[in-house]
C-alpha atoms as a PDB file:
ATOM      1  CA  MET A   1     114.355 107.820 144.856  1.00  0.00           C
ATOM      2  CA  SER A   2     116.817 106.331 142.368  1.00  0.00           C
ATOM      3  CA  PHE A   3     116.593 103.031 140.573  1.00  0.00           C
ATOM      4  CA  ALA A   4     118.959 100.351 139.384  1.00  0.00           C
ATOM      5  CA  THR A   5     121.075 100.239 136.237  1.00  0.00           C
ATOM      6  CA  ASP A   6     122.608  97.256 134.546  1.00  0.00           C
ATOM      7  CA  ASN A   7     126.158  98.532 134.869  1.00  0.00           C
ATOM      8  CA  GLN A   8     127.304  99.990 138.114  1.00  0.00           C
ATOM      9  CA  HIS A   9     130.276 101.561 136.297  1.00  0.00           C
ATOM     10  CA  SER A  10     128.186 103.287 133.630  1.00  0.00           C
ATOM     11  CA  SER A  11     128.653 106.938 132.957  1.00  0.00           C
ATOM     12  CA  VAL A  12     126.961 109.514 135.090  1.00  0.00           C
ATOM     13  CA  SER A  13     124.852 110.692 132.173  1.00  0.00           C
ATOM     14  CA  GLY A  14     123.760 107.139 131.404  1.00  0.00           C
ATOM     15  CA  SER A  15     122.822 106.525 135.042  1.00  0.00           C
ATOM     16  CA  ASN A  16     120.820 109.727 135.104  1.00  0.00           C
ATOM     17  CA  ARG A  17     118.960 108.766 131.959  1.00  0.00           C
ATOM     18  CA  THR A  18     118.176 105.367 133.402  1.00  0.00           C
ATOM     19  CA  SER A  19     116.967 106.750 136.713  1.00  0.00           C
ATOM     20  CA  LYS A  20     114.821 109.401 135.079  1.00  0.00           C
ATOM     21  CA  LEU A  21     113.261 106.931 132.668  1.00  0.00           C
ATOM     22  CA  THR A  22     112.396 104.416 135.372  1.00  0.00           C
ATOM     23  CA  ILE A  23     111.121 107.070 137.746  1.00  0.00           C
ATOM     24  CA  SER A  24     109.046 108.542 134.924  1.00  0.00           C
ATOM     25  CA  SER A  25     107.318 105.208 134.402  1.00  0.00           C
ATOM     26  CA  TYR A  26     106.070 105.237 138.006  1.00  0.00           C
ATOM     27  CA  ILE A  27     105.165 108.914 137.823  1.00  0.00           C
ATOM     28  CA  LEU A  28     103.060 107.927 134.831  1.00  0.00           C
ATOM     29  CA  ASP A  29     101.413 105.229 136.960  1.00  0.00           C
ATOM     30  CA  TRP A  30     100.478 107.855 139.521  1.00  0.00           C
ATOM     31  CA  ILE A  31      99.164 110.151 136.788  1.00  0.00           C
ATOM     32  CA  VAL A  32      96.915 107.345 135.513  1.00  0.00           C
ATOM     33  CA  VAL A  33      95.582 106.787 139.034  1.00  0.00           C
ATOM     34  CA  ILE A  34      94.960 110.508 139.576  1.00  0.00           C
ATOM     35  CA  VAL A  35      93.224 110.850 136.208  1.00  0.00           C
ATOM     36  CA  LEU A  36      90.952 107.888 136.993  1.00  0.00           C
ATOM     37  CA  ALA A  37      90.060 109.420 140.360  1.00  0.00           C
ATOM     38  CA  ALA A  38      89.500 112.866 138.822  1.00  0.00           C
ATOM     39  CA  ILE A  39      87.211 111.530 136.082  1.00  0.00           C
ATOM     40  CA  GLY A  40      85.373 109.508 138.707  1.00  0.00           C
ATOM     41  CA  GLY A  41      84.911 112.688 140.734  1.00  0.00           C
ATOM     42  CA  ILE A  42      83.489 114.521 137.717  1.00  0.00           C
ATOM     43  CA  LEU A  43      81.107 111.665 136.980  1.00  0.00           C
ATOM     44  CA  TYR A  44      80.085 111.638 140.656  1.00  0.00           C
ATOM     45  CA  LYS A  45      79.186 115.345 140.549  1.00  0.00           C
ATOM     46  CA  ILE A  46      77.232 115.495 137.300  1.00  0.00           C
ATOM     47  CA  THR A  47      73.544 114.640 137.051  1.00  0.00           C
ATOM     48  CA  GLY A  48      73.179 111.468 135.071  1.00  0.00           C
ATOM     49  CA  SER A  49      70.238 109.460 133.801  1.00  0.00           C
ATOM     50  CA  GLN A  50      67.050 109.493 135.848  1.00  0.00           C
ATOM     51  CA  HIS A  51      65.077 106.333 135.225  1.00  0.00           C
ATOM     52  CA  VAL A  52      61.294 106.617 135.022  1.00  0.00           C
ATOM     53  CA  PHE A  53      59.415 104.935 137.850  1.00  0.00           C
ATOM     54  CA  SER A  54      55.989 103.874 139.066  1.00  0.00           C
ATOM     55  CA  LEU A  55      54.363 105.466 142.073  1.00  0.00           C
ATOM     56  CA  ASP A  56      52.923 102.027 142.919  1.00  0.00           C
ATOM     57  CA  ASP A  57      56.321 100.263 142.954  1.00  0.00           C
ATOM     58  CA  PRO A  58      56.871  98.772 146.435  1.00  0.00           C
ATOM     59  CA  ASN A  59      60.599  98.385 145.720  1.00  0.00           C
ATOM     60  CA  ILE A  60      61.120 102.154 145.941  1.00  0.00           C
ATOM     61  CA  SER A  61      58.617 102.805 148.738  1.00  0.00           C
ATOM     62  CA  TYR A  62      60.883 102.245 151.755  1.00  0.00           C
ATOM     63  CA  PRO A  63      61.414 104.931 154.418  1.00  0.00           C
ATOM     64  CA  LEU A  64      64.285 107.403 154.218  1.00  0.00           C
ATOM     65  CA  TYR A  65      66.995 106.676 156.790  1.00  0.00           C
ATOM     66  CA  SER A  66      70.383 108.258 157.398  1.00  0.00           C
ATOM     67  CA  ASP A  67      73.583 106.365 156.521  1.00  0.00           C
ATOM     68  CA  THR A  68      75.027 104.088 159.182  1.00  0.00           C
ATOM     69  CA  PHE A  69      78.420 104.684 157.545  1.00  0.00           C
ATOM     70  CA  SER A  70      78.671 108.102 155.914  1.00  0.00           C
ATOM     71  CA  ILE A  71      80.790 108.707 152.818  1.00  0.00           C
ATOM     72  CA  THR A  72      83.407 110.415 154.999  1.00  0.00           C
ATOM     73  CA  VAL A  73      83.590 107.479 157.395  1.00  0.00           C
ATOM     74  CA  VAL A  74      83.890 104.966 154.538  1.00  0.00           C
ATOM     75  CA  GLY A  75      86.662 107.085 153.021  1.00  0.00           C
ATOM     76  CA  ILE A  76      88.577 107.026 156.304  1.00  0.00           C
ATOM     77  CA  ILE A  77      88.055 103.295 156.801  1.00  0.00           C
ATOM     78  CA  ALA A  78      88.824 102.208 153.227  1.00  0.00           C
ATOM     79  CA  LEU A  79      91.559 104.712 152.296  1.00  0.00           C
ATOM     80  CA  ALA A  80      93.148 106.442 155.280  1.00  0.00           C
ATOM     81  CA  VAL A  81      93.342 103.447 157.618  1.00  0.00           C
ATOM     82  CA  PRO A  82      94.869 101.039 155.054  1.00  0.00           C
ATOM     83  CA  ALA A  83      97.306 103.758 153.945  1.00  0.00           C
ATOM     84  CA  VAL A  84      98.531 104.303 157.501  1.00  0.00           C
ATOM     85  CA  ILE A  85      98.833 100.568 158.203  1.00  0.00           C
ATOM     86  CA  ILE A  86     100.785  99.975 154.981  1.00  0.00           C
ATOM     87  CA  MET A  87     103.107 102.884 155.696  1.00  0.00           C
ATOM     88  CA  VAL A  88     103.824 101.913 159.294  1.00  0.00           C
ATOM     89  CA  LEU A  89     104.373  98.216 158.632  1.00  0.00           C
ATOM     90  CA  SER A  90     106.544  98.934 155.579  1.00  0.00           C
ATOM     91  CA  LEU A  91     108.793 101.264 157.551  1.00  0.00           C
ATOM     92  CA  LEU A  92     109.062  98.723 160.376  1.00  0.00           C
ATOM     93  CA  ILE A  93     110.376  95.848 158.243  1.00  0.00           C
ATOM     94  CA  PRO A  94     113.367  94.472 160.206  1.00  0.00           C
ATOM     95  CA  THR A  95     116.752  94.885 158.558  1.00  0.00           C
ATOM     96  CA  SER A  96     117.450  91.193 159.122  1.00  0.00           C
ATOM     97  CA  THR A  97     114.339  90.282 157.151  1.00  0.00           C
ATOM     98  CA  ILE A  98     115.459  92.413 154.225  1.00  0.00           C
ATOM     99  CA  THR A  99     119.020  91.127 154.069  1.00  0.00           C
ATOM    100  CA  ALA A 100     117.934  87.503 154.477  1.00  0.00           C
ATOM    101  CA  SER A 101     115.126  87.614 151.913  1.00  0.00           C
ATOM    102  CA  VAL A 102     115.244  85.950 148.545  1.00  0.00           C
ATOM    103  CA  HIS A 103     115.593  89.398 147.009  1.00  0.00           C
ATOM    104  CA  GLY A 104     118.131  90.738 149.446  1.00  0.00           C
ATOM    105  CA  THR A 105     121.845  90.827 150.034  1.00  0.00           C
ATOM    106  CA  ARG A 106     124.008  92.730 152.452  1.00  0.00           C
ATOM    107  CA  GLU A 107     124.460  95.393 149.746  1.00  0.00           C
ATOM    108  CA  LEU A 108     120.745  96.136 149.651  1.00  0.00           C
ATOM    109  CA  SER A 109     119.833  99.313 151.529  1.00  0.00           C
ATOM    110  CA  PRO A 110     117.169  98.419 154.105  1.00  0.00           C
ATOM    111  CA  TRP A 111     115.642 101.877 153.962  1.00  0.00           C
ATOM    112  CA  LYS A 112     115.422 101.857 150.174  1.00  0.00           C
ATOM    113  CA  ARG A 113     113.682  98.486 150.437  1.00  0.00           C
ATOM    114  CA  ARG A 114     111.271  99.832 153.057  1.00  0.00           C
ATOM    115  CA  LEU A 115     110.475 102.939 151.014  1.00  0.00           C
ATOM    116  CA  TRP A 116     109.888 100.841 147.907  1.00  0.00           C
ATOM    117  CA  GLU A 117     107.433  98.587 149.755  1.00  0.00           C
ATOM    118  CA  TRP A 118     105.658 101.682 151.077  1.00  0.00           C
ATOM    119  CA  HIS A 119     105.531 103.301 147.644  1.00  0.00           C
ATOM    120  CA  VAL A 120     104.063 100.369 145.745  1.00  0.00           C
ATOM    121  CA  GLY A 121     101.777  99.547 148.672  1.00  0.00           C
ATOM    122  CA  TRP A 122     100.190 102.981 148.344  1.00  0.00           C
ATOM    123  CA  LEU A 123     100.254 102.871 144.560  1.00  0.00           C
ATOM    124  CA  GLY A 124      98.304  99.609 144.487  1.00  0.00           C
ATOM    125  CA  LEU A 125      95.831 100.842 147.104  1.00  0.00           C
ATOM    126  CA  CYS A 126      95.128 104.064 145.215  1.00  0.00           C
ATOM    127  CA  LEU A 127      94.805 102.209 141.913  1.00  0.00           C
ATOM    128  CA  SER A 128      92.228  99.878 143.452  1.00  0.00           C
ATOM    129  CA  LEU A 129      90.145 102.688 144.917  1.00  0.00           C
ATOM    130  CA  ALA A 130      90.436 104.996 141.897  1.00  0.00           C
ATOM    131  CA  GLY A 131      89.478 102.221 139.487  1.00  0.00           C
ATOM    132  CA  ALA A 132      86.425 101.211 141.502  1.00  0.00           C
ATOM    133  CA  PHE A 133      85.379 104.843 141.982  1.00  0.00           C
ATOM    134  CA  PHE A 134      85.666 105.557 138.258  1.00  0.00           C
ATOM    135  CA  VAL A 135      83.663 102.504 137.147  1.00  0.00           C
ATOM    136  CA  VAL A 136      80.934 102.874 139.776  1.00  0.00           C
ATOM    137  CA  SER A 137      80.477 106.612 139.180  1.00  0.00           C
ATOM    138  CA  GLY A 138      80.109 106.015 135.456  1.00  0.00           C
ATOM    139  CA  LEU A 139      77.613 103.206 135.917  1.00  0.00           C
ATOM    140  CA  LYS A 140      75.508 105.280 138.308  1.00  0.00           C
ATOM    141  CA  ASP A 141      75.215 108.052 135.706  1.00  0.00           C
ATOM    142  CA  ILE A 142      74.348 105.643 132.901  1.00  0.00           C
ATOM    143  CA  VAL A 143      71.807 103.508 134.772  1.00  0.00           C
ATOM    144  CA  GLY A 144      70.085 106.103 136.977  1.00  0.00           C
ATOM    145  CA  LYS A 145      68.271 103.494 139.037  1.00  0.00           C
ATOM    146  CA  PRO A 146      66.012 104.807 141.860  1.00  0.00           C
ATOM    147  CA  ARG A 147      66.962 103.845 145.396  1.00  0.00           C
ATOM    148  CA  PRO A 148      64.611 101.775 147.578  1.00  0.00           C
ATOM    149  CA  ASP A 149      63.767 104.967 149.531  1.00  0.00           C
ATOM    150  CA  PHE A 150      63.206 107.097 146.437  1.00  0.00           C
ATOM    151  CA  LEU A 151      59.516 107.930 146.936  1.00  0.00           C
ATOM    152  CA  ALA A 152      60.272 109.169 150.448  1.00  0.00           C
ATOM    153  CA  ARG A 153      62.918 111.468 148.962  1.00  0.00           C
ATOM    154  CA  CYS A 154      60.724 112.537 146.064  1.00  0.00           C
ATOM    155  CA  ASP A 155      57.501 113.567 147.800  1.00  0.00           C
ATOM    156  CA  PRO A 156      55.558 113.186 144.523  1.00  0.00           C
ATOM    157  CA  ASP A 157      52.838 115.617 143.484  1.00  0.00           C
ATOM    158  CA  LEU A 158      49.867 113.244 143.498  1.00  0.00           C
ATOM    159  CA  SER A 159      47.455 115.981 142.455  1.00  0.00           C
ATOM    160  CA  ASN A 160      49.051 116.455 139.045  1.00  0.00           C
ATOM    161  CA  ILE A 161      50.278 113.022 137.917  1.00  0.00           C
ATOM    162  CA  SER A 162      49.115 113.491 134.338  1.00  0.00           C
ATOM    163  CA  ALA A 163      51.626 116.315 133.787  1.00  0.00           C
ATOM    164  CA  HIS A 164      54.568 114.004 134.429  1.00  0.00           C
ATOM    165  CA  LEU A 165      53.560 110.804 132.642  1.00  0.00           C
ATOM    166  CA  ALA A 166      56.324 108.940 130.816  1.00  0.00           C
ATOM    167  CA  GLY A 167      54.628 105.709 129.782  1.00  0.00           C
ATOM    168  CA  GLY A 168      53.105 102.527 131.109  1.00  0.00           C
ATOM    169  CA  LEU A 169      50.053 100.420 130.349  1.00  0.00           C
ATOM    170  CA  GLY A 170      47.946 102.823 132.394  1.00  0.00           C
ATOM    171  CA  LEU A 171      48.003 105.233 129.472  1.00  0.00           C
ATOM    172  CA  ARG A 172      45.810 102.815 127.521  1.00  0.00           C
ATOM    173  CA  ARG A 173      43.981 100.855 130.201  1.00  0.00           C
ATOM    174  CA  GLU A 174      42.271 102.262 133.234  1.00  0.00           C
ATOM    175  CA  GLY A 175      43.580 101.005 136.548  1.00  0.00           C
ATOM    176  CA  ALA A 176      46.948  99.837 135.178  1.00  0.00           C
ATOM    177  CA  ALA A 177      50.243 101.275 136.389  1.00  0.00           C
ATOM    178  CA  VAL A 178      51.764 104.351 134.788  1.00  0.00           C
ATOM    179  CA  LEU A 179      55.371 105.523 134.738  1.00  0.00           C
ATOM    180  CA  VAL A 180      56.307 109.067 135.677  1.00  0.00           C
ATOM    181  CA  ARG A 181      59.387 111.285 135.444  1.00  0.00           C
ATOM    182  CA  ALA A 182      61.423 112.828 138.241  1.00  0.00           C
ATOM    183  CA  SER A 183      59.770 116.170 137.557  1.00  0.00           C
ATOM    184  CA  ILE A 184      56.862 114.965 139.691  1.00  0.00           C
ATOM    185  CA  CYS A 185      58.983 115.316 142.833  1.00  0.00           C
ATOM    186  CA  GLN A 186      58.133 118.255 145.092  1.00  0.00           C
ATOM    187  CA  ASN A 187      61.340 118.032 147.097  1.00  0.00           C
ATOM    188  CA  THR A 188      63.343 121.136 146.200  1.00  0.00           C
ATOM    189  CA  ASP A 189      66.676 119.708 147.365  1.00  0.00           C
ATOM    190  CA  ALA A 190      68.235 118.759 144.025  1.00  0.00           C
ATOM    191  CA  ALA A 191      71.104 116.901 145.701  1.00  0.00           C
ATOM    192  CA  VAL A 192      68.708 114.573 147.511  1.00  0.00           C
ATOM    193  CA  ILE A 193      66.838 113.796 144.285  1.00  0.00           C
ATOM    194  CA  LYS A 194      70.075 113.307 142.337  1.00  0.00           C
ATOM    195  CA  ASP A 195      71.354 110.896 144.978  1.00  0.00           C
ATOM    196  CA  GLY A 196      68.039 109.088 144.812  1.00  0.00           C
ATOM    197  CA  PHE A 197      68.917 107.876 141.300  1.00  0.00           C
ATOM    198  CA  ALA A 198      72.273 106.389 142.373  1.00  0.00           C
ATOM    199  CA  ALA A 199      71.170 102.922 143.477  1.00  0.00           C
ATOM    200  CA  PHE A 200      73.206 100.853 140.994  1.00  0.00           C
ATOM    201  CA  PRO A 201      75.876  99.968 141.868  1.00  0.00           C
ATOM    202  CA  SER A 202      76.597 100.743 145.519  1.00  0.00           C
ATOM    203  CA  GLY A 203      79.456 103.217 145.866  1.00  0.00           C
ATOM    204  CA  HIS A 204      79.992 102.499 149.562  1.00  0.00           C
ATOM    205  CA  SER A 205      80.234  98.763 148.916  1.00  0.00           C
ATOM    206  CA  SER A 206      82.645  98.967 145.986  1.00  0.00           C
ATOM    207  CA  PHE A 207      84.902 101.468 147.752  1.00  0.00           C
ATOM    208  CA  ALA A 208      84.934  99.408 150.936  1.00  0.00           C
ATOM    209  CA  TRP A 209      85.910  96.204 149.139  1.00  0.00           C
ATOM    210  CA  ALA A 210      88.468  97.945 146.924  1.00  0.00           C
ATOM    211  CA  GLY A 211      90.329  99.372 149.912  1.00  0.00           C
ATOM    212  CA  LEU A 212      89.772  96.843 152.669  1.00  0.00           C
ATOM    213  CA  LEU A 213      90.195  93.664 150.634  1.00  0.00           C
ATOM    214  CA  TYR A 214      93.409  95.136 149.237  1.00  0.00           C
ATOM    215  CA  LEU A 215      94.597  95.606 152.824  1.00  0.00           C
ATOM    216  CA  SER A 216      93.670  92.004 153.686  1.00  0.00           C
ATOM    217  CA  LEU A 217      95.624  90.714 150.684  1.00  0.00           C
ATOM    218  CA  TRP A 218      98.580  92.929 151.594  1.00  0.00           C
ATOM    219  CA  LEU A 219      98.645  91.605 155.163  1.00  0.00           C
ATOM    220  CA  CYS A 220      98.345  88.009 153.970  1.00  0.00           C
ATOM    221  CA  ALA A 221     101.253  88.466 151.571  1.00  0.00           C
ATOM    222  CA  LYS A 222     103.576  90.232 153.979  1.00  0.00           C
ATOM    223  CA  PHE A 223     102.998  87.789 156.837  1.00  0.00           C
ATOM    224  CA  ALA A 224     102.630  84.631 154.704  1.00  0.00           C
ATOM    225  CA  ILE A 225      99.044  84.094 155.850  1.00  0.00           C
ATOM    226  CA  ILE A 226      98.109  81.544 153.208  1.00  0.00           C
ATOM    227  CA  PRO A 227      97.211  77.852 153.351  1.00  0.00           C
ATOM    228  CA  PRO A 228     100.330  75.655 153.185  1.00  0.00           C
ATOM    229  CA  SER A 229     101.006  74.201 149.746  1.00  0.00           C
ATOM    230  CA  HIS A 230     102.861  71.103 148.627  1.00  0.00           C
ATOM    231  CA  ARG A 231     106.107  71.431 146.767  1.00  0.00           C
ATOM    232  CA  THR A 232     105.744  71.167 143.033  1.00  0.00           C
ATOM    233  CA  GLY A 233     107.413  68.175 141.448  1.00  0.00           C
ATOM    234  CA  HIS A 234     108.163  66.256 144.680  1.00  0.00           C
ATOM    235  CA  SER A 235     106.360  63.625 146.701  1.00  0.00           C
ATOM    236  CA  ALA A 236     106.474  63.588 150.446  1.00  0.00           C
ATOM    237  CA  LEU A 237     107.589  59.943 150.612  1.00  0.00           C
ATOM    238  CA  THR A 238     109.251  57.610 148.145  1.00  0.00           C
ATOM    239  CA  ARG A 239     107.937  54.081 147.693  1.00  0.00           C
ATOM    240  CA  ASN A 240     111.022  52.207 148.916  1.00  0.00           C
ATOM    241  CA  GLY A 241     113.217  54.862 150.410  1.00  0.00           C
ATOM    242  CA  PRO A 242     113.472  57.874 152.716  1.00  0.00           C
ATOM    243  CA  PRO A 243     111.299  60.984 152.391  1.00  0.00           C
ATOM    244  CA  ALA A 244     111.905  62.995 149.229  1.00  0.00           C
ATOM    245  CA  TYR A 245     112.634  65.964 151.491  1.00  0.00           C
ATOM    246  CA  PRO A 246     112.878  66.310 155.280  1.00  0.00           C
ATOM    247  CA  LEU A 247     109.627  66.502 157.183  1.00  0.00           C
ATOM    248  CA  THR A 248     110.891  69.630 158.938  1.00  0.00           C
ATOM    249  CA  SER A 249     111.074  71.419 155.575  1.00  0.00           C
ATOM    250  CA  ARG A 250     107.440  70.741 154.749  1.00  0.00           C
ATOM    251  CA  PRO A 251     105.057  73.724 154.946  1.00  0.00           C
ATOM    252  CA  ALA A 252     103.129  74.492 158.123  1.00  0.00           C
ATOM    253  CA  ALA A 253      99.868  76.364 158.623  1.00  0.00           C
ATOM    254  CA  PRO A 254     100.087  79.974 159.889  1.00  0.00           C
ATOM    255  CA  PRO A 255      98.659  80.739 163.356  1.00  0.00           C
ATOM    256  CA  LEU A 256      94.927  81.332 163.323  1.00  0.00           C
ATOM    257  CA  TYR A 257      95.200  84.677 165.116  1.00  0.00           C
ATOM    258  CA  LEU A 258      97.093  86.043 162.093  1.00  0.00           C
ATOM    259  CA  LEU A 259      94.330  84.821 159.804  1.00  0.00           C
ATOM    260  CA  LEU A 260      91.813  86.564 162.051  1.00  0.00           C
ATOM    261  CA  ILE A 261      93.740  89.852 161.918  1.00  0.00           C
ATOM    262  CA  ALA A 262      94.114  89.686 158.137  1.00  0.00           C
ATOM    263  CA  THR A 263      90.402  89.039 157.565  1.00  0.00           C
ATOM    264  CA  ILE A 264      89.187  91.855 159.808  1.00  0.00           C
ATOM    265  CA  PRO A 265      89.374  94.438 156.959  1.00  0.00           C
ATOM    266  CA  ALA A 266      87.406  92.184 154.597  1.00  0.00           C
ATOM    267  CA  GLY A 267      84.884  91.533 157.377  1.00  0.00           C
ATOM    268  CA  LEU A 268      84.486  95.274 157.864  1.00  0.00           C
ATOM    269  CA  ALA A 269      83.796  95.672 154.145  1.00  0.00           C
ATOM    270  CA  LEU A 270      81.083  93.016 154.458  1.00  0.00           C
ATOM    271  CA  CYS A 271      79.586  94.909 157.399  1.00  0.00           C
ATOM    272  CA  ILE A 272      79.463  98.151 155.377  1.00  0.00           C
ATOM    273  CA  CYS A 273      77.684  96.290 152.581  1.00  0.00           C
ATOM    274  CA  ALA A 274      75.092  94.936 155.006  1.00  0.00           C
ATOM    275  CA  THR A 275      74.258  98.416 156.281  1.00  0.00           C
ATOM    276  CA  ARG A 276      73.577  99.636 152.752  1.00  0.00           C
ATOM    277  CA  TYR A 277      70.763  97.099 152.595  1.00  0.00           C
ATOM    278  CA  SER A 278      69.448  97.709 156.117  1.00  0.00           C
ATOM    279  CA  ASP A 279      69.490 101.487 155.538  1.00  0.00           C
ATOM    280  CA  TYR A 280      67.284 100.983 152.442  1.00  0.00           C
ATOM    281  CA  MET A 281      69.897 102.587 150.221  1.00  0.00           C
ATOM    282  CA  HIS A 282      70.336  99.665 147.817  1.00  0.00           C
ATOM    283  CA  ALA A 283      68.735  96.444 146.672  1.00  0.00           C
ATOM    284  CA  GLY A 284      70.691  93.233 147.057  1.00  0.00           C
ATOM    285  CA  TRP A 285      71.846  93.142 143.413  1.00  0.00           C
ATOM    286  CA  ASP A 286      73.171  96.703 143.683  1.00  0.00           C
ATOM    287  CA  ILE A 287      75.395  95.624 146.562  1.00  0.00           C
ATOM    288  CA  MET A 288      76.463  92.339 144.991  1.00  0.00           C
ATOM    289  CA  SER A 289      77.454  94.057 141.748  1.00  0.00           C
ATOM    290  CA  ALA A 290      79.464  96.670 143.611  1.00  0.00           C
ATOM    291  CA  THR A 291      81.146  93.939 145.643  1.00  0.00           C
ATOM    292  CA  ILE A 292      82.254  92.212 142.451  1.00  0.00           C
ATOM    293  CA  ILE A 293      83.688  95.488 141.142  1.00  0.00           C
ATOM    294  CA  GLY A 294      85.528  96.204 144.395  1.00  0.00           C
ATOM    295  CA  ILE A 295      86.940  92.687 144.658  1.00  0.00           C
ATOM    296  CA  PHE A 296      88.089  92.789 141.028  1.00  0.00           C
ATOM    297  CA  PHE A 297      90.029  96.020 141.455  1.00  0.00           C
ATOM    298  CA  ALA A 298      91.478  94.964 144.819  1.00  0.00           C
ATOM    299  CA  CYS A 299      92.813  91.689 143.403  1.00  0.00           C
ATOM    300  CA  LEU A 300      94.032  93.251 140.160  1.00  0.00           C
ATOM    301  CA  SER A 301      95.783  96.154 141.866  1.00  0.00           C
ATOM    302  CA  PHE A 302      97.434  93.973 144.472  1.00  0.00           C
ATOM    303  CA  ARG A 303      98.659  91.431 141.962  1.00  0.00           C
ATOM    304  CA  TRP A 304      99.932  94.198 139.675  1.00  0.00           C
ATOM    305  CA  TYR A 305     102.594  95.277 142.165  1.00  0.00           C
ATOM    306  CA  HIS A 306     102.984  92.500 144.747  1.00  0.00           C
ATOM    307  CA  THR A 307     103.856  88.844 144.975  1.00  0.00           C
ATOM    308  CA  PHE A 308     102.390  86.223 147.266  1.00  0.00           C
ATOM    309  CA  PRO A 309     104.699  83.913 149.211  1.00  0.00           C
ATOM    310  CA  SER A 310     103.654  81.192 146.756  1.00  0.00           C
ATOM    311  CA  THR A 311     104.349  83.250 143.605  1.00  0.00           C
ATOM    312  CA  ARG A 312     106.874  81.359 141.485  1.00  0.00           C
ATOM    313  CA  LEU A 313     109.574  83.733 140.264  1.00  0.00           C
ATOM    314  CA  ILE A 314     112.356  81.599 138.845  1.00  0.00           C
ATOM    315  CA  SER A 315     111.986  77.913 139.592  1.00  0.00           C
ATOM    316  CA  PRO A 316     109.454  75.692 141.411  1.00  0.00           C
ATOM    317  CA  THR A 317     111.554  75.936 144.574  1.00  0.00           C
ATOM    318  CA  GLU A 318     111.730  79.756 144.709  1.00  0.00           C
ATOM    319  CA  ASP A 319     108.911  82.105 145.514  1.00  0.00           C
ATOM    320  CA  GLY A 320     108.146  85.802 145.812  1.00  0.00           C
ATOM    321  CA  GLY A 321     108.195  85.867 149.599  1.00  0.00           C
ATOM    322  CA  GLY A 322     105.343  88.391 149.666  1.00  0.00           C
ATOM    323  CA  TRP A 323     107.624  91.238 148.571  1.00  0.00           C
ATOM    324  CA  ALA A 324     106.612  93.838 146.024  1.00  0.00           C
ATOM    325  CA  PHE A 325     107.789  93.235 142.490  1.00  0.00           C
ATOM    326  CA  PRO A 326     111.092  94.999 141.728  1.00  0.00           C
ATOM    327  CA  PRO A 327     111.251  98.294 139.799  1.00  0.00           C
ATOM    328  CA  ARG A 328     111.030  98.120 136.028  1.00  0.00           C
ATOM    329  CA  SER A 329     114.353  97.753 134.259  1.00  0.00           C
ATOM    330  CA  ARG A 330     116.072 100.407 132.174  1.00  0.00           C
ATOM    331  CA  PRO A 331     115.184  99.111 128.680  1.00  0.00           C
ATOM    332  CA  HIS A 332     111.599  98.284 129.687  1.00  0.00           C
ATOM    333  CA  ALA A 333     110.632 101.214 131.857  1.00  0.00           C
ATOM    334  CA  LEU A 334     107.839 102.407 129.558  1.00  0.00           C
ATOM    335  CA  TRP A 335     107.345  99.670 126.954  1.00  0.00           C
ATOM    336  CA  VAL A 336     108.528  96.301 125.703  1.00  0.00           C
ATOM    337  CA  ALA A 337     108.901  94.833 122.247  1.00  0.00           C
ATOM    338  CA  TYR A 338     106.384  92.272 121.017  1.00  0.00           C
ATOM    339  CA  GLY A 339     107.202  88.848 122.449  1.00  0.00           C
ATOM    340  CA  SER A 340     109.339  90.143 125.319  1.00  0.00           C
ATOM    341  CA  ARG A 341     109.405  88.262 128.603  1.00  0.00           C
ATOM    342  CA  GLY A 342     108.207  91.205 130.652  1.00  0.00           C
ATOM    343  CA  TYR A 343     109.367  94.457 132.201  1.00  0.00           C
ATOM    344  CA  ALA A 344     112.271  93.042 134.196  1.00  0.00           C
ATOM    345  CA  GLU A 345     115.760  92.919 132.741  1.00  0.00           C
ATOM    346  CA  ASN A 346     116.102  89.651 130.808  1.00  0.00           C
ATOM    347  CA  ASP A 347     119.565  88.946 132.156  1.00  0.00           C
ATOM    348  CA  ASN A 348     118.552  89.811 135.697  1.00  0.00           C
ATOM    349  CA  ILE A 349     115.553  87.518 136.145  1.00  0.00           C
ATOM    350  CA  SER A 350     117.295  85.587 138.899  1.00  0.00           C
ATOM    351  CA  GLY A 351     118.213  88.698 140.802  1.00  0.00           C
ATOM    352  CA  TYR A 352     116.740  91.946 141.941  1.00  0.00           C
ATOM    353  CA  GLU A 353     117.456  95.463 140.765  1.00  0.00           C
ATOM    354  CA  ASP A 354     118.284  97.444 143.860  1.00  0.00           C
ATOM    355  CA  LEU A 355     117.147 101.001 144.302  1.00  0.00           C
ATOM    356  CA  GLU A 356     120.789 102.041 144.884  1.00  0.00           C
ATOM    357  CA  LEU A 357     121.901 101.778 141.235  1.00  0.00           C
ATOM    358  CA  ARG A 358     123.288  98.258 141.462  1.00  0.00           C
ATOM    359  CA  PRO A 359     121.929  94.832 140.534  1.00  0.00           C
ATOM    360  CA  VAL A 360     121.442  92.395 143.357  1.00  0.00           C
ATOM    361  CA  GLY A 361     121.904  88.636 142.998  1.00  0.00           C
ATOM    362  CA  HIS A 362     121.054  85.817 145.341  1.00  0.00           C
END
């Protein structure tokens, strides 16, 4: 994939330098995503903190059930399915839509546009999932909170409690509760015990929201599934004259069936969260905290690379049309000077840098 330069008649060596620099900036993005995912995987594998607990605590005395949605199933639903949908819909963008868009001209290669939408669609999705995975895995290791079904996993040695005491008022007053360490568990399956201290926050919930909410936002942006908004700086009617703009140009609400389709992924994420509670894998706060993390990374990652139809790019009457943001410009591929306007070319703010080594205007 090649990227735009400011001068279509620049030397071959200059064009190559520009393309390599811009491409390198997105390779670096992918490296950051991979590193986040890799560190998250390491944190997921290691044995972290194991919080002391009370054998009389009803909050960790629930029965041990199997997962309604296994880790593999959640991975398919939150990663593979959104990736396939983004790829297919990006490659099926009609040529007429590309050439007629606010960012398009007849010189813009439809296939380069499609591939760019596919690329940044996947990049944002992977950033959302990798970020959530990294944060949640780290928090699980630090907190080490027992799951609601922990005692069923543990099978504590009730005949030798004194050998595993960690604290509690029961050490000084008879009949009061005592706290014990994980060494009291008779279950020899170390993986089951390790997973028993992974209650906070919920990995399934954060991963589901990070992937599926991102997909919902992506669908809403690409198909303009947002509430209609009033034009900035205009009134619908003047006091003693005709309408400020024609009624036919005023925004209209999208069809409800599109809203239903776009919210199905987010609804599925909510369903996955509910099963984590009904399966006795997490307390409510564990799920709520993970939901916040997943939503944060989904919104951040989507907004990092994509516009909404209402995103103001140049003036109050122009918007982003739901397209991905253009590639970074040559001078700003990897950094900008203090006080710069951003990573787009300053003299090309009203246009779009094509992926065919030519700037595109309106």
